[in-house]
Amino acid sequence: MEWTVVTVIIALVGLFMTVGKPVITLNSSITRLQDAINELREDIKVLTSRTDNQEERLQDHETRISILEEKQKKEN
């Protein structure tokens, strides 16, 4: 009877090692991927703010060009 208990314990430890190692590896991979996603989100925020600033500057340039064109038309 004692050998049966030892055999069951060995089987349970083997099962834990068989299932546990891939789960731990998967968990660490998911953690690294989550970190990468967070970095990408920050990069996208920075790029979006730069794009917004560039669009505002383009609007300002368009307004300036329109004013200059109007002045040029009045002079001619």
C-alpha atoms as a PDB file:
ATOM      1  CA  MET A   1       0.000   0.000   0.000  1.00  0.00           C
ATOM      2  CA  GLU A   2       2.856   2.405   0.695  1.00  0.00           C
ATOM      3  CA  TRP A   3       4.229   1.859  -2.807  1.00  0.00           C
ATOM      4  CA  THR A   4       0.874   2.853  -4.247  1.00  0.00           C
ATOM      5  CA  VAL A   5       0.999   6.171  -2.375  1.00  0.00           C
ATOM      6  CA  VAL A   6       4.569   6.758  -3.535  1.00  0.00           C
ATOM      7  CA  THR A   7       3.597   5.924  -7.109  1.00  0.00           C
ATOM      8  CA  VAL A   8       0.639   8.337  -6.983  1.00  0.00           C
ATOM      9  CA  ILE A   9       2.840  11.109  -5.554  1.00  0.00           C
ATOM     10  CA  ILE A  10       5.449  10.530  -8.261  1.00  0.00           C
ATOM     11  CA  ALA A  11       2.727  10.570 -10.909  1.00  0.00           C
ATOM     12  CA  LEU A  12       1.298  13.835  -9.535  1.00  0.00           C
ATOM     13  CA  VAL A  13       4.737  15.467  -9.443  1.00  0.00           C
ATOM     14  CA  GLY A  14       5.378  14.321 -13.010  1.00  0.00           C
ATOM     15  CA  LEU A  15       2.013  15.689 -14.099  1.00  0.00           C
ATOM     16  CA  PHE A  16       2.732  19.006 -12.415  1.00  0.00           C
ATOM     17  CA  MET A  17       6.129  19.232 -14.094  1.00  0.00           C
ATOM     18  CA  THR A  18       4.647  18.307 -17.472  1.00  0.00           C
ATOM     19  CA  VAL A  19       1.856  20.878 -17.263  1.00  0.00           C
ATOM     20  CA  GLY A  20       3.519  23.448 -15.006  1.00  0.00           C
ATOM     21  CA  LYS A  21       6.579  24.247 -17.095  1.00  0.00           C
ATOM     22  CA  PRO A  22       4.654  25.164 -20.276  1.00  0.00           C
ATOM     23  CA  VAL A  23       2.194  27.226 -18.228  1.00  0.00           C
ATOM     24  CA  ILE A  24       5.022  29.152 -16.563  1.00  0.00           C
ATOM     25  CA  THR A  25       6.705  29.694 -19.937  1.00  0.00           C
ATOM     26  CA  LEU A  26       3.426  30.857 -21.451  1.00  0.00           C
ATOM     27  CA  ASN A  27       2.843  33.231 -18.573  1.00  0.00           C
ATOM     28  CA  SER A  28       6.248  34.853 -19.005  1.00  0.00           C
ATOM     29  CA  SER A  29       5.666  35.161 -22.759  1.00  0.00           C
ATOM     30  CA  ILE A  30       2.317  36.842 -22.162  1.00  0.00           C
ATOM     31  CA  THR A  31       3.953  39.251 -19.718  1.00  0.00           C
ATOM     32  CA  ARG A  32       6.627  40.209 -22.263  1.00  0.00           C
ATOM     33  CA  LEU A  33       3.992  40.679 -24.964  1.00  0.00           C
ATOM     34  CA  GLN A  34       1.929  42.885 -22.660  1.00  0.00           C
ATOM     35  CA  ASP A  35       4.998  45.044 -22.017  1.00  0.00           C
ATOM     36  CA  ALA A  36       5.605  45.331 -25.754  1.00  0.00           C
ATOM     37  CA  ILE A  37       1.984  46.342 -26.327  1.00  0.00           C
ATOM     38  CA  ASN A  38       2.240  49.012 -23.647  1.00  0.00           C
ATOM     39  CA  GLU A  39       5.372  50.417 -25.299  1.00  0.00           C
ATOM     40  CA  LEU A  40       3.614  50.462 -28.667  1.00  0.00           C
ATOM     41  CA  ARG A  41       0.661  52.319 -27.149  1.00  0.00           C
ATOM     42  CA  GLU A  42       3.007  54.983 -25.810  1.00  0.00           C
ATOM     43  CA  ASP A  43       4.736  55.266 -29.195  1.00  0.00           C
ATOM     44  CA  ILE A  44       1.374  55.641 -30.932  1.00  0.00           C
ATOM     45  CA  LYS A  45       0.375  58.402 -28.499  1.00  0.00           C
ATOM     46  CA  VAL A  46       3.586  60.279 -29.273  1.00  0.00           C
ATOM     47  CA  LEU A  47       3.140  59.864 -33.027  1.00  0.00           C
ATOM     48  CA  THR A  48      -0.501  60.924 -32.839  1.00  0.00           C
ATOM     49  CA  SER A  49       0.374  64.090 -30.952  1.00  0.00           C
ATOM     50  CA  ARG A  50       3.086  64.882 -33.500  1.00  0.00           C
ATOM     51  CA  THR A  51       0.613  64.368 -36.343  1.00  0.00           C
ATOM     52  CA  ASP A  52      -1.920  66.652 -34.663  1.00  0.00           C
ATOM     53  CA  ASN A  53       0.722  69.354 -34.267  1.00  0.00           C
ATOM     54  CA  GLN A  54       1.740  69.028 -37.908  1.00  0.00           C
ATOM     55  CA  GLU A  55      -1.888  69.301 -39.036  1.00  0.00           C
ATOM     56  CA  GLU A  56      -2.285  72.507 -37.015  1.00  0.00           C
ATOM     57  CA  ARG A  57       0.867  73.926 -38.578  1.00  0.00           C
ATOM     58  CA  LEU A  58      -0.417  73.024 -42.049  1.00  0.00           C
ATOM     59  CA  GLN A  59      -3.680  74.820 -41.312  1.00  0.00           C
ATOM     60  CA  ASP A  60      -1.701  77.897 -40.275  1.00  0.00           C
ATOM     61  CA  HIS A  61       0.317  77.747 -43.501  1.00  0.00           C
ATOM     62  CA  GLU A  62      -2.823  77.406 -45.591  1.00  0.00           C
ATOM     63  CA  THR A  63      -4.294  80.469 -43.892  1.00  0.00           C
ATOM     64  CA  ARG A  64      -1.101  82.461 -44.479  1.00  0.00           C
ATOM     65  CA  ILE A  65      -1.010  81.417 -48.133  1.00  0.00           C
ATOM     66  CA  SER A  66      -4.646  82.446 -48.592  1.00  0.00           C
ATOM     67  CA  ILE A  67      -3.945  85.867 -47.056  1.00  0.00           C
ATOM     68  CA  LEU A  68      -0.900  86.370 -49.267  1.00  0.00           C
ATOM     69  CA  GLU A  69      -2.861  85.328 -52.363  1.00  0.00           C
ATOM     70  CA  GLU A  70      -5.590  87.830 -51.518  1.00  0.00           C
ATOM     71  CA  LYS A  71      -3.040  90.593 -51.066  1.00  0.00           C
ATOM     72  CA  GLN A  72      -1.417  89.690 -54.380  1.00  0.00           C
ATOM     73  CA  LYS A  73      -4.797  89.788 -56.165  1.00  0.00           C
ATOM     74  CA  LYS A  74      -5.544  93.248 -54.722  1.00  0.00           C
ATOM     75  CA  GLU A  75      -2.157  94.553 -55.857  1.00  0.00           C
ATOM     76  CA  ASN A  76      -2.707  93.345 -59.416  1.00  0.00           C
END
